[in-house]
C-alpha cells in the first residue's frame, strides 16, 4: 500500500526488471532518490553515471517511483520569501459523533493548510499553516474553527522561530 493513499495515481510504467524488491534494487532506488533530493532537476544521464547503470534504467526507476507514490519531484517555495511571515499550529478536538476523516477532508481543502495529520492524545488533528499577518491568522481561525459544529475545541500556537525544517531526510538513517 502506498504511504500516501490519497495521492493522485499516475499511469503505470513498465518495470525495468530490477525492481523486484531485492536488496540491490532497493539500494539502487535509495541512491537515485538521494541524488534527486540534492537536485530534483538532475539529468538522468548524470544520475546513471553516478550510480553505475544506464540512463534508461534510471528513467524507468524514477517513473516507477513516481507511479508508486514513493517520491514526488517539485519545487519548494520558502514561505517567508513569499510574504508568509506567520506560521501557525492548530490542534483540533473533533466534536463527538463527527468523523475525524470528514473534518480532515474539510480542513485539508483550505489553502493556508500545508500539513494536516491525525494524532493520538488530547487532540484528534494537528494542522500547520502559513499566514501573511496576524489578522490573516485570526480570520483563518474565525472562519474555519470558531463556531463550527464539527469542532469541539482547538488550541493554537504561533511558531516564533524555526530551528530545523528538513524537507529531505537520510534514507539510510
Protein backbone atom coordinates (compact mmCIF):
# COMPACT_ATOMS: atom_id res chain seq x y z
CA UNK A 1 0.00 0.00 0.00
CA UNK A 2 1.38 3.44 -0.87
CA UNK A 3 2.49 5.66 2.00
CA UNK A 4 0.11 8.39 0.83
CA UNK A 5 -3.01 6.51 -0.28
CA UNK A 6 -4.85 9.71 -1.22
CA UNK A 7 -2.09 10.91 -3.55
CA UNK A 8 -3.14 11.15 -7.19
CA UNK A 9 -2.41 7.95 -9.05
CA UNK A 10 -0.17 8.11 -12.07
CA UNK A 11 -0.17 5.78 -15.06
CA UNK A 12 1.77 2.54 -14.66
CA UNK A 13 5.20 2.40 -16.21
CA UNK A 14 6.88 -0.76 -17.44
CA UNK A 15 9.29 -2.17 -14.92
CA UNK A 16 12.93 -2.43 -15.89
CA UNK A 17 13.37 -5.92 -14.47
CA UNK A 18 15.43 -4.82 -11.46
CA UNK A 19 12.59 -3.58 -9.27
CA UNK A 20 11.91 -6.89 -7.59
CA UNK A 21 12.39 -5.77 -4.00
CA UNK A 22 15.88 -7.28 -3.93
CA UNK A 23 18.47 -5.63 -1.68
CA UNK A 24 20.32 -4.45 -4.80
CA UNK A 25 17.15 -2.92 -6.30
CA UNK A 26 16.27 -1.19 -3.04
CA UNK A 27 19.81 0.19 -2.72
CA UNK A 28 19.73 1.48 -6.31
CA UNK A 29 16.43 3.26 -5.62
CA UNK A 30 17.93 4.82 -2.46
CA UNK A 31 20.92 6.13 -4.43
CA UNK A 32 18.68 7.59 -7.14
CA UNK A 33 16.39 9.22 -4.57
CA UNK A 34 19.35 10.66 -2.65
CA UNK A 35 20.67 12.31 -5.82
CA UNK A 36 17.23 13.69 -6.69
CA UNK A 37 16.97 15.09 -3.15
CA UNK A 38 20.16 17.04 -3.81
CA UNK A 39 18.92 18.28 -7.19
CA UNK A 40 15.45 17.39 -8.41
CA UNK A 41 16.39 18.57 -11.90
CA UNK A 42 19.48 16.37 -12.20
CA UNK A 43 19.68 14.78 -15.66
CA UNK A 44 19.05 11.05 -15.80
CA UNK A 45 22.37 10.67 -17.61
CA UNK A 46 24.19 12.29 -14.67
CA UNK A 47 22.38 10.07 -12.18
CA UNK A 48 23.17 6.99 -14.28
CA UNK A 49 26.86 7.89 -14.35
CA UNK A 50 26.97 8.29 -10.57
CA UNK A 51 25.11 5.08 -9.71
CA UNK A 52 26.60 2.91 -12.47
CA UNK A 53 23.52 1.95 -14.50
CA UNK A 54 22.08 3.00 -17.86
CA UNK A 55 20.11 6.19 -18.35
CA UNK A 56 17.11 4.07 -19.36
CA UNK A 57 17.25 2.18 -16.07
CA UNK A 58 17.26 5.47 -14.15
CA UNK A 59 14.38 6.83 -16.24
CA UNK A 60 12.31 3.66 -15.67
CA UNK A 61 13.04 3.57 -11.95
CA UNK A 62 12.19 7.24 -11.44
CA UNK A 63 8.96 6.77 -13.39
CA UNK A 64 8.11 3.72 -11.25
CA UNK A 65 8.92 5.57 -8.01
CA UNK A 66 6.61 8.38 -9.12
CA UNK A 67 3.87 5.97 -10.23
CA UNK A 68 4.05 4.08 -6.92
CA UNK A 69 3.85 7.36 -4.93
CA UNK A 70 7.23 6.69 -3.35
CA UNK A 71 8.59 10.10 -4.42
CA UNK A 72 7.42 13.40 -5.78
CA UNK A 73 9.52 15.93 -7.63
CA UNK A 74 8.51 19.52 -7.01
CA UNK A 75 9.77 22.98 -6.16
CA UNK A 76 9.50 24.05 -2.52
CA UNK A 77 8.85 27.76 -2.00
CA UNK A 78 10.13 29.28 1.22
CA UNK A 79 7.08 30.85 2.90
CA UNK A 80 8.85 33.95 4.25
CA UNK A 81 10.18 34.75 0.76
CA UNK A 82 6.57 34.73 -0.49
CA UNK A 83 5.33 37.08 2.23
CA UNK A 84 4.03 34.47 4.69
CA UNK A 85 5.53 35.58 7.99
CA UNK A 86 3.20 33.74 10.37
CA UNK A 87 3.43 30.00 10.88
CA UNK A 88 0.54 28.73 12.99
CA UNK A 89 -0.06 25.40 14.68
CA UNK A 90 -3.62 24.42 15.48
CA UNK A 91 -4.56 21.34 17.49
CA UNK A 92 -8.15 20.23 16.93
CA UNK A 93 -10.53 18.20 19.08
CA UNK A 94 -13.28 16.94 16.77
CA UNK A 95 -16.86 17.06 18.10
CA UNK A 96 -18.30 13.80 19.47
CA UNK A 97 -20.10 11.80 16.81
CA UNK A 98 -18.27 13.57 13.99
CA UNK A 99 -15.97 11.71 11.62
CA UNK A 100 -12.36 12.79 12.08
CA UNK A 101 -11.74 11.96 8.43
CA UNK A 102 -14.59 14.23 7.33
CA UNK A 103 -13.19 17.13 9.35
CA UNK A 104 -9.70 16.42 8.00
CA UNK A 105 -11.06 16.45 4.44
CA UNK A 106 -12.80 19.79 5.04
CA UNK A 107 -9.71 21.36 6.59
CA UNK A 108 -7.29 19.96 4.01
CA UNK A 109 -9.12 21.96 1.31
CA UNK A 110 -8.08 25.24 2.96
CA UNK A 111 -5.22 26.85 1.02
CA UNK A 112 -3.31 28.02 4.13
CA UNK A 113 -3.04 24.44 5.44
CA UNK A 114 0.22 22.81 4.37
CA UNK A 115 0.39 19.93 6.85
CA UNK A 116 -2.51 18.10 8.46
CA UNK A 117 -2.17 14.89 10.48
CA UNK A 118 -4.34 12.71 12.71
CA UNK A 119 -2.76 12.33 16.15
CA UNK A 120 -3.26 10.38 19.37
CA UNK A 121 -3.73 12.12 22.67
CA UNK A 122 -5.78 15.07 23.81
CA UNK A 123 -6.44 16.24 20.24
CA UNK A 124 -7.52 14.46 17.06
CA UNK A 125 -5.82 16.56 14.41
CA UNK A 126 -2.75 18.76 14.18
CA UNK A 127 -2.58 21.42 11.48
CA UNK A 128 0.31 23.60 10.35
CA UNK A 129 -0.50 26.74 8.40
CA UNK A 130 1.16 29.81 6.88
CA UNK A 131 -0.33 33.31 7.01
CA UNK A 132 0.72 36.75 5.82
CA UNK A 133 -0.24 38.53 9.03
CA UNK A 134 -1.68 38.14 12.49
CA UNK A 135 -5.01 39.38 11.10
CA UNK A 136 -4.95 36.66 8.44
CA UNK A 137 -4.34 34.03 11.12
CA UNK A 138 -7.20 35.37 13.22
CA UNK A 139 -9.52 35.35 10.18
CA UNK A 140 -8.46 31.78 9.39
CA UNK A 141 -9.36 30.64 12.91
CA UNK A 142 -12.64 32.58 12.95
CA UNK A 143 -13.74 31.25 9.56
CA UNK A 144 -12.75 27.60 9.89
CA UNK A 145 -12.86 26.73 13.61
CA UNK A 146 -14.77 29.03 15.94
CA UNK A 147 -18.47 28.22 15.97
CA UNK A 148 -18.13 25.18 13.69
CA UNK A 149 -20.37 22.31 14.81
CA UNK A 150 -17.78 19.66 13.86
CA UNK A 151 -15.12 21.20 16.16
CA UNK A 152 -15.26 20.63 19.92
CA UNK A 153 -12.20 22.75 20.66
CA UNK A 154 -8.83 23.97 19.47
CA UNK A 155 -5.51 25.04 20.89
CA UNK A 156 -3.28 27.40 18.93
CA UNK A 157 0.38 28.21 18.86
CA UNK A 158 2.43 30.59 16.76
CA UNK A 159 5.85 29.47 15.65
CA UNK A 160 8.35 32.04 16.92
CA UNK A 161 11.44 30.56 15.29
CA UNK A 162 12.10 27.52 13.11
CA UNK A 163 15.20 25.73 14.36
CA UNK A 164 15.03 22.89 11.86
CA UNK A 165 12.94 22.36 8.77
CA UNK A 166 14.27 19.46 6.80
CA UNK A 167 12.37 18.59 3.65
CA UNK A 168 14.89 15.88 2.79
CA UNK A 169 15.81 13.01 5.06
CA UNK A 170 18.54 10.40 5.14
CA UNK A 171 17.24 7.23 3.54
CA UNK A 172 19.88 5.16 5.32
CA UNK A 173 19.22 6.54 8.77
